[in-house]
Amino acid sequence: MREIFIKPIDVILIDEGNFYENLKPGTVISGLIIGYKKIYDEIEIEKLINELAMEIAEMDYKIYKGNRKINLSSISKVKMKIEKARNKKFFT
């Protein structure tokens, strides 16, 4: 699949039990805050990842991928602002 996409991707296939077990900072699921595309979802993954993002936004949390440092706390704060704007009613 990597040959199809211009940007590098990681394919993550995880069952529901392992997903919930890894739904905390410091696991592979916390990296999904950076971005993800879901193919199949029965458990409302977006809601769960947003809840994790709210938790991480309150921390000073960074991950290192190769020689890059990614500030997940800052990304989480921006993600929460975007979600808030999406859910805001502009017309009443």
C-alpha atoms as a PDB file:
ATOM      1  CA  MET A   1       0.000   0.000   0.000  1.00  0.00           C
ATOM      2  CA  ARG A   2       2.875   2.391   0.647  1.00  0.00           C
ATOM      3  CA  GLU A   3       3.595   2.609  -3.087  1.00  0.00           C
ATOM      4  CA  ILE A   4       0.096   3.991  -3.753  1.00  0.00           C
ATOM      5  CA  PHE A   5       0.402   7.052  -1.505  1.00  0.00           C
ATOM      6  CA  ILE A   6       2.681  10.073  -1.885  1.00  0.00           C
ATOM      7  CA  LYS A   7       3.128  10.488   1.875  1.00  0.00           C
ATOM      8  CA  PRO A   8       4.338   7.576   3.974  1.00  0.00           C
ATOM      9  CA  ILE A   9       1.567   5.777   5.837  1.00  0.00           C
ATOM     10  CA  ASP A  10       1.353   3.191   8.579  1.00  0.00           C
ATOM     11  CA  VAL A  11      -1.463   0.672   8.441  1.00  0.00           C
ATOM     12  CA  ILE A  12      -2.769  -0.210  11.898  1.00  0.00           C
ATOM     13  CA  LEU A  13      -5.147  -3.116  12.283  1.00  0.00           C
ATOM     14  CA  ILE A  14      -6.318  -3.590  15.848  1.00  0.00           C
ATOM     15  CA  ASP A  15      -9.164  -5.440  17.499  1.00  0.00           C
ATOM     16  CA  GLU A  16     -11.582  -3.710  19.846  1.00  0.00           C
ATOM     17  CA  GLY A  17     -10.095  -5.139  23.063  1.00  0.00           C
ATOM     18  CA  ASN A  18      -6.557  -4.060  22.196  1.00  0.00           C
ATOM     19  CA  PHE A  19      -7.803  -0.677  21.032  1.00  0.00           C
ATOM     20  CA  TYR A  20      -9.376   0.069  24.424  1.00  0.00           C
ATOM     21  CA  GLU A  21      -6.306  -1.307  26.212  1.00  0.00           C
ATOM     22  CA  ASN A  22      -4.086   1.106  24.242  1.00  0.00           C
ATOM     23  CA  LEU A  23      -6.364   4.133  24.542  1.00  0.00           C
ATOM     24  CA  LYS A  24      -3.958   6.107  26.730  1.00  0.00           C
ATOM     25  CA  PRO A  25      -0.928   8.370  26.333  1.00  0.00           C
ATOM     26  CA  GLY A  26       2.276   6.605  25.371  1.00  0.00           C
ATOM     27  CA  THR A  27       0.722   3.937  23.164  1.00  0.00           C
ATOM     28  CA  VAL A  28       0.374   3.542  19.416  1.00  0.00           C
ATOM     29  CA  ILE A  29      -3.201   4.873  19.646  1.00  0.00           C
ATOM     30  CA  SER A  30      -1.976   8.231  20.998  1.00  0.00           C
ATOM     31  CA  GLY A  31      -0.098   8.679  17.720  1.00  0.00           C
ATOM     32  CA  LEU A  32      -3.429   8.634  15.880  1.00  0.00           C
ATOM     33  CA  ILE A  33      -4.039  12.155  17.195  1.00  0.00           C
ATOM     34  CA  ILE A  34      -1.658  13.368  14.475  1.00  0.00           C
ATOM     35  CA  GLY A  35      -4.022  12.012  11.842  1.00  0.00           C
ATOM     36  CA  TYR A  36      -5.773   8.924  10.652  1.00  0.00           C
ATOM     37  CA  LYS A  37      -8.208   7.653   8.071  1.00  0.00           C
ATOM     38  CA  LYS A  38     -10.608   4.985   9.213  1.00  0.00           C
ATOM     39  CA  ILE A  39     -11.749   2.299   6.832  1.00  0.00           C
ATOM     40  CA  TYR A  40     -14.139   0.425   9.101  1.00  0.00           C
ATOM     41  CA  ASP A  41     -15.458   1.497  12.499  1.00  0.00           C
ATOM     42  CA  GLU A  42     -18.042  -0.043  14.812  1.00  0.00           C
ATOM     43  CA  ILE A  43     -16.995   1.658  18.068  1.00  0.00           C
ATOM     44  CA  GLU A  44     -17.068   5.401  17.237  1.00  0.00           C
ATOM     45  CA  ILE A  45     -13.286   5.706  17.093  1.00  0.00           C
ATOM     46  CA  GLU A  46     -13.357   9.455  16.403  1.00  0.00           C
ATOM     47  CA  LYS A  47     -15.147  10.171  19.690  1.00  0.00           C
ATOM     48  CA  LEU A  48     -12.685   7.985  21.623  1.00  0.00           C
ATOM     49  CA  ILE A  49      -9.632   9.588  20.002  1.00  0.00           C
ATOM     50  CA  ASN A  50     -11.043  13.067  20.709  1.00  0.00           C
ATOM     51  CA  GLU A  51     -11.409  12.125  24.384  1.00  0.00           C
ATOM     52  CA  LEU A  52      -7.784  10.951  24.408  1.00  0.00           C
ATOM     53  CA  ALA A  53      -6.757  14.209  22.691  1.00  0.00           C
ATOM     54  CA  MET A  54      -8.454  16.195  25.480  1.00  0.00           C
ATOM     55  CA  GLU A  55      -6.449  14.231  28.042  1.00  0.00           C
ATOM     56  CA  ILE A  56      -3.168  14.729  26.181  1.00  0.00           C
ATOM     57  CA  ALA A  57      -3.878  18.453  25.652  1.00  0.00           C
ATOM     58  CA  GLU A  58      -3.619  18.910  29.422  1.00  0.00           C
ATOM     59  CA  MET A  59      -0.148  17.314  29.494  1.00  0.00           C
ATOM     60  CA  ASP A  60       3.255  18.271  28.123  1.00  0.00           C
ATOM     61  CA  TYR A  61       3.473  15.252  25.863  1.00  0.00           C
ATOM     62  CA  LYS A  62       5.900  14.738  22.982  1.00  0.00           C
ATOM     63  CA  ILE A  63       6.774  11.758  20.830  1.00  0.00           C
ATOM     64  CA  TYR A  64       9.896  11.159  18.797  1.00  0.00           C
ATOM     65  CA  LYS A  65       9.682   9.622  15.341  1.00  0.00           C
ATOM     66  CA  GLY A  66      13.063   9.202  13.753  1.00  0.00           C
ATOM     67  CA  ASN A  67      14.885  12.482  14.267  1.00  0.00           C
ATOM     68  CA  ARG A  68      11.658  14.508  14.616  1.00  0.00           C
ATOM     69  CA  LYS A  69      10.048  15.641  17.845  1.00  0.00           C
ATOM     70  CA  ILE A  70       6.251  15.906  17.641  1.00  0.00           C
ATOM     71  CA  ASN A  71       4.417  17.860  20.326  1.00  0.00           C
ATOM     72  CA  LEU A  72       1.203  15.882  20.740  1.00  0.00           C
ATOM     73  CA  SER A  73      -0.076  18.292  23.393  1.00  0.00           C
ATOM     74  CA  SER A  74      -0.029  21.196  20.928  1.00  0.00           C
ATOM     75  CA  ILE A  75      -1.607  19.105  18.186  1.00  0.00           C
ATOM     76  CA  SER A  76      -4.306  17.978  20.625  1.00  0.00           C
ATOM     77  CA  LYS A  77      -5.103  21.573  21.587  1.00  0.00           C
ATOM     78  CA  VAL A  78      -5.493  22.557  17.928  1.00  0.00           C
ATOM     79  CA  LYS A  79      -7.625  19.466  17.279  1.00  0.00           C
ATOM     80  CA  MET A  80      -9.926  20.437  20.153  1.00  0.00           C
ATOM     81  CA  LYS A  81     -10.295  23.989  18.801  1.00  0.00           C
ATOM     82  CA  ILE A  82     -11.205  22.618  15.374  1.00  0.00           C
ATOM     83  CA  GLU A  83     -13.764  20.224  16.876  1.00  0.00           C
ATOM     84  CA  LYS A  84     -15.251  23.038  18.937  1.00  0.00           C
ATOM     85  CA  ALA A  85     -15.586  25.218  15.826  1.00  0.00           C
ATOM     86  CA  ARG A  86     -17.193  22.358  13.871  1.00  0.00           C
ATOM     87  CA  ASN A  87     -19.762  21.764  16.584  1.00  0.00           C
ATOM     88  CA  LYS A  88     -20.535  25.438  17.159  1.00  0.00           C
ATOM     89  CA  LYS A  89     -23.863  26.609  15.823  1.00  0.00           C
ATOM     90  CA  PHE A  90     -23.344  29.754  13.780  1.00  0.00           C
ATOM     91  CA  PHE A  91     -27.024  30.337  13.163  1.00  0.00           C
ATOM     92  CA  THR A  92     -29.706  29.897  15.776  1.00  0.00           C
END
